């Protein structure tokens, strides 16, 4: 079919008008509405949207987040600037800048099923992070560089970087009820996670000082934390193999995770710390010590434990939390 120049001009004008209308509609949307626009409606459907939809959505989310929030909160990869235990010495624990908060407790994240060409064991590296609501930056749940992989159980890491494969690339939105179990499939694997939203919480930062070194009464060790409201769902703080405790230069255990949240209410609001010494793969052949901590708004609580000839002091540092970055900055200006 042939078309004159006038017809082409009319068609171009109509297309420009349609683009202008679409832009105006987008300009009038809120930030949340903007981030929810399906890219398919904008005519941007790469092959990845069909071959690995979760990875495609993750890349879209990252681009949208940078466009909407990077100017005020920094780039998507920026980690949270608010450190743990910042309000533990607060002179006025009921002041308006630090409060009990709604928090997300992550119990575990693991790689479930894997697909060919992957085989167990896997060497994994990369990041798993939670986007924080206080300053919209990331809290790292897991982070390993390529030269410091973690072996899960043969390779997700190639001999060269060009051979590396994305084991999983996705964004998961937390749900307001719980506990929640999610299994999210990607092109090469399924990532499983369990979490719960908890309310009226304070922050509990755990440290373990080795007071007397000795032989660990087992070939494996496991340190966990839980709350009495979800006592059967333990959070791993440290898992190790051997008959010696892994300690740093200051004599403290090298915990892989040390911060959890605890509900500040009675009688449910208790923190349960557990240390287990296991022999072989038999979970029943175990020596276990438990200590229960009552949460506080500020301050520290200490308990001594002993397993075999190993003696340790467990310290829990309690802290309220800010609602936003402004509250955090204001509290330190006014009360410190």
Protein backbone atom coordinates (compact mmCIF):
# COMPACT_ATOMS: atom_id res chain seq x y z
CA UNK A 1 0.00 0.00 0.00
CA UNK A 2 1.28 3.47 -0.89
CA UNK A 3 0.72 6.59 1.19
CA UNK A 4 1.39 10.24 0.35
CA UNK A 5 3.48 12.58 2.45
CA UNK A 6 0.36 14.27 3.83
CA UNK A 7 -0.93 10.95 5.12
CA UNK A 8 2.40 10.22 6.74
CA UNK A 9 2.38 13.62 8.41
CA UNK A 10 -1.15 13.05 9.75
CA UNK A 11 -0.19 9.64 11.09
CA UNK A 12 2.93 11.07 12.74
CA UNK A 13 0.85 13.81 14.38
CA UNK A 14 -1.64 11.26 15.72
CA UNK A 15 1.19 9.11 17.11
CA UNK A 16 2.76 12.15 18.78
CA UNK A 17 -0.60 13.00 20.34
CA UNK A 18 -0.96 9.46 21.68
CA UNK A 19 2.54 9.59 23.15
CA UNK A 20 1.77 12.95 24.74
CA UNK A 21 -1.43 11.63 26.30
CA UNK A 22 0.40 8.60 27.66
CA UNK A 23 3.12 10.83 29.14
CA UNK A 24 0.52 13.11 30.76
CA UNK A 25 -1.23 10.13 32.32
CA UNK A 26 2.08 8.87 33.73
CA UNK A 27 3.05 12.32 35.03
CA UNK A 28 -0.17 12.47 37.05
CA UNK A 29 0.38 9.10 38.75
CA UNK A 30 1.73 8.68 42.27
CA UNK A 31 5.10 7.05 42.88
CA UNK A 32 3.50 3.77 43.90
CA UNK A 33 1.28 3.80 40.82
CA UNK A 34 4.28 4.54 38.64
CA UNK A 35 6.16 1.54 39.99
CA UNK A 36 3.15 -0.70 39.42
CA UNK A 37 2.80 0.07 35.70
CA UNK A 38 3.40 -3.16 33.77
CA UNK A 39 6.18 -2.67 31.28
CA UNK A 40 4.19 -4.78 28.86
CA UNK A 41 1.70 -1.91 28.54
CA UNK A 42 4.52 0.37 27.48
CA UNK A 43 5.55 -1.93 24.67
CA UNK A 44 8.82 -2.93 26.37
CA UNK A 45 8.76 -6.71 26.54
CA UNK A 46 12.26 -8.20 26.27
CA UNK A 47 12.80 -11.92 25.86
CA UNK A 48 13.68 -12.21 29.55
CA UNK A 49 10.06 -11.42 30.46
CA UNK A 50 9.12 -14.82 29.07
CA UNK A 51 12.21 -16.88 29.91
CA UNK A 52 12.75 -15.63 33.51
CA UNK A 53 9.86 -13.42 34.55
CA UNK A 54 11.08 -12.88 38.14
CA UNK A 55 14.46 -11.63 36.91
CA UNK A 56 12.73 -9.33 34.45
CA UNK A 57 10.52 -7.88 37.21
CA UNK A 58 13.58 -7.41 39.43
CA UNK A 59 15.37 -5.38 36.74
CA UNK A 60 12.24 -3.29 36.18
CA UNK A 61 11.89 -2.67 39.91
CA UNK A 62 15.50 -1.56 40.17
CA UNK A 63 15.19 0.89 37.26
CA UNK A 64 11.94 2.32 38.64
CA UNK A 65 13.35 2.63 42.15
CA UNK A 66 16.40 4.53 40.92
CA UNK A 67 14.22 6.86 38.87
CA UNK A 68 11.86 7.64 41.75
CA UNK A 69 14.02 7.53 44.89
CA UNK A 70 17.73 7.75 44.02
CA UNK A 71 17.76 11.56 44.06
CA UNK A 72 16.69 11.62 47.72
CA UNK A 73 18.00 8.34 49.17
CA UNK A 74 21.00 7.45 47.03
CA UNK A 75 21.42 4.60 44.52
CA UNK A 76 19.58 1.29 44.77
CA UNK A 77 22.72 -0.53 46.01
CA UNK A 78 23.32 1.84 48.92
CA UNK A 79 23.25 0.12 52.30
CA UNK A 80 21.49 1.41 55.39
CA UNK A 81 23.37 4.11 57.28
CA UNK A 82 21.59 3.50 60.62
CA UNK A 83 23.62 1.01 62.65
CA UNK A 84 22.36 -1.44 65.25
CA UNK A 85 22.05 -0.46 68.94
CA UNK A 86 22.06 3.26 68.21
CA UNK A 87 19.40 4.04 70.83
CA UNK A 88 20.50 1.67 73.59
CA UNK A 89 21.90 4.54 75.68
CA UNK A 90 19.05 6.92 74.95
CA UNK A 91 18.52 9.18 77.96
CA UNK A 92 14.78 9.48 77.37
CA UNK A 93 13.49 6.10 76.07
CA UNK A 94 9.94 7.42 75.63
CA UNK A 95 10.87 10.41 73.52
CA UNK A 96 9.17 11.00 70.19
CA UNK A 97 12.14 10.04 68.04
CA UNK A 98 12.55 6.36 69.01
CA UNK A 99 9.71 3.88 69.38
CA UNK A 100 8.60 0.27 69.27
CA UNK A 101 8.24 -0.56 65.59
CA UNK A 102 6.74 -2.98 63.10
CA UNK A 103 9.63 -5.15 61.90
CA UNK A 104 10.30 -7.96 59.46
CA UNK A 105 11.83 -11.08 61.00
CA UNK A 106 13.54 -13.34 58.44
CA UNK A 107 13.90 -16.90 59.71
CA UNK A 108 15.69 -18.57 56.83
CA UNK A 109 16.47 -18.33 53.13
CA UNK A 110 17.64 -21.33 51.15
CA UNK A 111 18.10 -22.60 47.62
CA UNK A 112 15.52 -25.29 46.96
CA UNK A 113 15.32 -26.97 43.59
CA UNK A 114 17.96 -26.36 40.96
CA UNK A 115 17.78 -26.95 37.22
CA UNK A 116 20.26 -28.19 34.64
CA UNK A 117 23.10 -27.49 34.02
CA UNK A 118 23.54 -26.78 37.76
CA UNK A 119 24.58 -29.58 40.12
CA UNK A 120 25.12 -29.82 43.87
CA UNK A 121 27.18 -28.63 45.64
CA UNK A 122 26.84 -24.98 44.64
CA UNK A 123 29.30 -22.16 45.12
CA UNK A 124 27.23 -19.00 45.46
CA UNK A 125 28.07 -15.32 45.68
CA UNK A 126 26.09 -12.11 45.42
CA UNK A 127 23.60 -10.36 47.70
CA UNK A 128 20.30 -10.89 49.45
CA UNK A 129 18.99 -7.66 50.97
CA UNK A 130 15.90 -6.10 52.53
CA UNK A 131 14.86 -2.61 51.45
CA UNK A 132 14.46 -0.65 54.67
CA UNK A 133 11.49 1.65 55.32
CA UNK A 134 13.46 4.11 57.48
CA UNK A 135 15.89 5.43 54.86
CA UNK A 136 14.87 3.20 51.89
CA UNK A 137 18.37 1.73 51.77
CA UNK A 138 19.37 -1.91 51.93
CA UNK A 139 20.03 -4.13 54.93
CA UNK A 140 22.28 -7.00 53.88
CA UNK A 141 21.03 -10.47 54.78
CA UNK A 142 23.70 -12.24 52.73
CA UNK A 143 26.66 -10.82 50.81
CA UNK A 144 29.65 -12.61 49.30
CA UNK A 145 32.12 -11.46 46.67
CA UNK A 146 33.07 -13.77 43.82
CA UNK A 147 36.43 -14.65 45.41
CA UNK A 148 34.72 -15.55 48.72
CA UNK A 149 31.92 -17.92 47.72
CA UNK A 150 29.76 -19.90 50.10
CA UNK A 151 29.40 -23.59 49.28
CA UNK A 152 25.83 -24.77 49.66
CA UNK A 153 26.26 -28.46 48.87
CA UNK A 154 28.86 -28.47 41.49
CA UNK A 155 29.10 -25.00 40.50
CA UNK A 156 27.11 -21.82 40.01
CA UNK A 157 30.50 -20.15 39.71
CA UNK A 158 32.27 -20.70 36.42
CA UNK A 159 35.99 -20.94 35.80
CA UNK A 160 35.75 -17.39 34.43
CA UNK A 161 33.27 -14.60 35.07
CA UNK A 162 31.75 -15.14 31.63
CA UNK A 163 30.76 -18.65 32.73
CA UNK A 164 28.98 -17.51 35.90
CA UNK A 165 25.22 -18.00 35.96
CA UNK A 166 22.49 -16.08 37.76
CA UNK A 167 21.27 -18.62 40.30
CA UNK A 168 18.36 -16.38 41.24
CA UNK A 169 17.51 -12.75 40.53
CA UNK A 170 14.18 -11.55 41.92
CA UNK A 171 12.28 -9.08 44.09
CA UNK A 172 9.82 -10.36 46.71
CA UNK A 173 7.23 -8.12 48.39
CA UNK A 174 6.53 -8.99 52.04
CA UNK A 175 2.97 -9.80 53.06
CA UNK A 176 1.30 -8.27 56.17
CA UNK A 177 0.32 -11.62 57.71
CA UNK A 178 2.45 -14.54 58.71
CA UNK A 179 4.53 -16.45 59.21
CA UNK A 180 4.85 -16.52 55.42
CA UNK A 181 6.57 -19.16 53.34
CA UNK A 182 7.52 -18.25 49.78
CA UNK A 183 9.02 -20.36 47.01
CA UNK A 184 10.07 -18.17 44.07
CA UNK A 185 11.19 -19.90 40.87
CA UNK A 186 13.76 -18.45 38.48
CA UNK A 187 15.43 -19.76 35.34
CA UNK A 188 17.90 -22.01 37.18
CA UNK A 189 16.59 -22.46 40.72
CA UNK A 190 13.87 -21.98 43.30
CA UNK A 191 14.59 -19.70 46.26
CA UNK A 192 12.67 -20.48 49.45
CA UNK A 193 12.24 -18.08 52.36
CA UNK A 194 10.24 -17.81 55.57
CA UNK A 195 9.54 -14.55 57.38
CA UNK A 196 6.95 -12.81 59.54
CA UNK A 197 5.94 -9.23 60.25
CA UNK A 198 6.07 -8.53 63.97
CA UNK A 199 4.58 -5.56 65.81
CA UNK A 200 5.56 -3.45 68.84
CA UNK A 201 9.15 -4.63 68.55
CA UNK A 202 12.50 -3.57 69.88
CA UNK A 203 15.88 -4.44 68.40
CA UNK A 204 18.03 -7.11 70.06
CA UNK A 205 21.73 -7.20 69.15
CA UNK A 206 23.45 -10.38 70.37
CA UNK A 207 27.14 -10.90 71.12
CA UNK A 208 28.89 -13.88 72.72
CA UNK A 209 32.20 -13.48 74.58
CA UNK A 210 34.26 -16.64 75.17
CA UNK A 211 35.42 -16.48 78.80
CA UNK A 212 37.09 -19.90 78.92
CA UNK A 213 38.29 -21.78 75.86
CA UNK A 214 38.04 -25.53 75.74
CA UNK A 215 37.14 -28.48 73.57
CA UNK A 216 33.68 -28.26 72.04
CA UNK A 217 31.74 -31.41 73.06
CA UNK A 218 30.79 -32.38 69.50
CA UNK A 219 31.87 -32.17 65.89
CA UNK A 220 29.37 -29.42 65.05
CA UNK A 221 27.94 -26.39 66.77
CA UNK A 222 24.79 -24.34 66.26
CA UNK A 223 23.81 -21.08 67.94
CA UNK A 224 20.25 -19.86 67.38
CA UNK A 225 17.74 -17.26 68.55
CA UNK A 226 13.96 -17.34 68.63
CA UNK A 227 11.05 -15.55 70.30
CA UNK A 228 8.47 -17.22 72.51
CA UNK A 229 5.70 -16.19 70.09
CA UNK A 230 7.43 -18.25 67.33
CA UNK A 231 9.64 -20.50 69.44
CA UNK A 232 9.65 -23.39 66.95
CA UNK A 233 11.12 -21.10 64.26
CA UNK A 234 14.77 -20.65 65.12
CA UNK A 235 17.09 -18.10 63.51
CA UNK A 236 20.62 -19.33 62.87
CA UNK A 237 23.27 -17.05 64.38
CA UNK A 238 26.27 -19.34 63.84
CA UNK A 239 26.84 -22.84 62.47
CA UNK A 240 30.32 -24.34 62.52
CA UNK A 241 32.19 -27.64 62.30
CA UNK A 242 35.07 -28.81 64.47
CA UNK A 243 35.92 -28.91 68.15
CA UNK A 244 36.94 -25.27 68.54
CA UNK A 245 34.79 -22.18 68.75
CA UNK A 246 35.34 -19.65 65.91
CA UNK A 247 36.34 -16.41 67.62
CA UNK A 248 37.62 -13.04 66.42
CA UNK A 249 40.54 -11.02 67.75
CA UNK A 250 38.51 -9.75 70.71
CA UNK A 251 37.51 -13.23 71.82
CA UNK A 252 33.93 -13.00 70.58
CA UNK A 253 32.13 -15.55 68.46
CA UNK A 254 32.06 -14.65 64.76
CA UNK A 255 28.29 -14.67 64.40
CA UNK A 256 26.93 -14.69 60.85
CA UNK A 257 23.88 -12.84 62.15
CA UNK A 258 23.50 -10.94 65.38
CA UNK A 259 20.41 -8.71 65.20
CA UNK A 260 16.83 -9.94 65.66
CA UNK A 261 13.57 -8.28 66.69
CA UNK A 262 11.57 -9.09 69.83
CA UNK A 263 8.03 -8.09 70.77
CA UNK A 264 7.94 -5.78 73.77
CA UNK A 265 4.90 -7.33 75.40
CA UNK A 266 4.22 -9.88 78.11
CA UNK A 267 4.14 -12.85 78.34
CA UNK A 268 4.86 -13.44 74.61
CA UNK A 269 7.77 -11.05 74.39
CA UNK A 270 10.80 -13.15 75.25
CA UNK A 271 14.06 -13.80 73.43
CA UNK A 272 15.32 -17.40 73.58
CA UNK A 273 19.05 -17.96 72.98
CA UNK A 274 20.20 -21.52 72.31
CA UNK A 275 23.61 -23.18 71.93
CA UNK A 276 23.80 -26.77 70.65
CA UNK A 277 26.69 -29.23 70.41
CA UNK A 278 25.94 -31.99 67.90
CA UNK A 279 27.71 -35.22 67.01
CA UNK A 280 27.61 -36.31 63.38
CA UNK A 281 24.35 -36.02 61.47
CA UNK A 282 22.18 -37.28 64.33
CA UNK A 283 20.12 -34.30 65.50
CA UNK A 284 19.08 -36.30 68.59
CA UNK A 285 22.65 -36.68 69.83
CA UNK A 286 22.91 -33.15 71.14
CA UNK A 287 23.87 -31.13 74.18
CA UNK A 288 21.90 -27.94 74.47
CA UNK A 289 21.90 -24.86 76.68
CA UNK A 290 19.12 -22.25 76.58
CA UNK A 291 18.71 -18.83 78.13
CA UNK A 292 15.62 -16.63 78.08
CA UNK A 293 15.87 -12.82 77.97
CA UNK A 294 13.10 -10.35 78.79
CA UNK A 295 13.17 -7.44 76.33
CA UNK A 296 13.69 -3.84 77.40
CA UNK A 297 13.49 -0.50 75.65
CA UNK A 298 17.15 0.32 76.31
CA UNK A 299 20.14 -1.17 78.07
CA UNK A 300 21.88 -4.55 78.15
CA UNK A 301 21.16 -7.99 79.60
CA UNK A 302 23.86 -10.60 80.26
CA UNK A 303 23.77 -14.35 80.94
CA UNK A 304 26.54 -16.94 81.35
CA UNK A 305 26.43 -20.33 79.63
CA UNK A 306 28.65 -23.42 79.70
CA UNK A 307 28.86 -26.34 77.28
CA UNK A 308 31.51 -28.93 78.03
CA UNK A 309 34.59 -26.99 79.08
CA UNK A 310 33.61 -23.88 77.08
CA UNK A 311 32.32 -20.93 79.09
CA UNK A 312 30.69 -17.93 77.42
CA UNK A 313 28.94 -14.69 78.29
CA UNK A 314 25.90 -13.81 76.17
CA UNK A 315 25.06 -10.09 75.96
CA UNK A 316 21.85 -8.74 74.44
CA UNK A 317 21.80 -5.01 73.70
CA UNK A 318 18.29 -3.56 73.49
CA UNK A 319 17.28 -0.54 71.45
CA UNK A 320 14.19 1.30 70.29
CA UNK A 321 14.02 2.29 66.63
CA UNK A 322 13.35 5.46 64.62
CA UNK A 323 10.40 5.77 62.26
CA UNK A 324 12.39 7.63 59.62
CA UNK A 325 15.81 9.09 58.92
CA UNK A 326 14.68 12.53 60.15
CA UNK A 327 13.77 11.08 63.57
CA UNK A 328 17.13 9.32 63.73
CA UNK A 329 19.09 12.50 62.95
CA UNK A 330 16.93 14.66 65.24
CA UNK A 331 17.33 12.32 68.22
CA UNK A 332 21.11 12.51 68.07
CA UNK A 333 21.09 16.29 67.77
CA UNK A 334 18.75 16.81 70.73
CA UNK A 335 19.62 14.07 73.20
CA UNK A 336 23.27 13.13 72.72
